[in-house]
């Protein structure tokens, strides 16, 4: 059986999830495997506290993730948008979306004479939904690229494991593709045909192409309430993640030593230890909601992300606590209003 893009992506997300699940099992005989996974997750202060610094890259290479993500997401967004605009234009009939909703609800008897047209309507909805999801991803990765360039201040000595670096590159390549995987093969064929036509006919093939913003925006506005609620959830997490990253980025401006650790305050740092990771889970949960929740591939993606953020955050917090017991005790002596337990529980996992 030939595997398609959807099956390959699902297999990739599951493969990325299994090592984390296995390492999370409370089994003593998995201790060595747990150590390997933890070693791959080390970076920044955790990496500095370890003597194992082989196969590492500078932590400032985080920017590579978002350069790749912005370029790749933009390419997919442009290709899918052009395909949606040219091949699945907006329908002028006022009952288009009610018809589609009736079809999806199983009331196909209404369309007994128009089944081929009905499948075309479903395809249009699917393509424009992919455009909407890619727009959300573009907003996310563009902000992350801005933050790595202007908000975060990485220490010159900060390192991360090369496996973690490659994992990040994989994630930001597969995540945008997952959002449009159901129509990506069609978009690719369309793009190849368009390029071939341009090579054969030159600029004359573009003379009859007209673009109207209204025809592009209207299908997005008519997608449905589920997509817009998902967008609100996405925006909620997006705003709080930016605030938390700004707080983390400001810490280095107020410390005299690069290795000194300052407890962040403000926003979600007052209620959870790793609010920037929680916000990212909220962001991608919003994308799942906007997708309608029926795409198994997107569920595999969010499940893999949730495990990486939650389990990885626990691993890194425990390692930070172990590596900074004495500095925290010194902080406790200087600040009697703060308990040592409170200091440990509030330690975040910084990017």
Foldseek 3Di string as FASTA:
>chain_A
DDDAPLRVLLVVLVVLQVLLVLLPDPDPVCVVSVVVVLQQLDWFLLCVLDPPCPQKDAPLCVLVLLVLLLVQLVVVLVLLLVCLCPPPWDDPDPCLVVVLVCVVVPVCVVCPPPVVVNVSSVVSLLSLLLNLLSVLSNVQSVVVSVCSVPQADGDPPMIHHNSNVVVSNVLSNSVNCLSNVVCVVVSVVVVVVVVVCCVVPPCVVVPPDDDDVCRSVVSVVPSDPQLVQLVVLLVVLSVLLVVVSNQVSCVVVPDPDPSADDQGDDDCLVPAQASNLVSVLSNLVSSCSNSVVPRVSSVSSSVSSVSCSVSSFVSQLVSVCVSCVPVLVVVCVVPVVDDSVNVSRSHGDDD
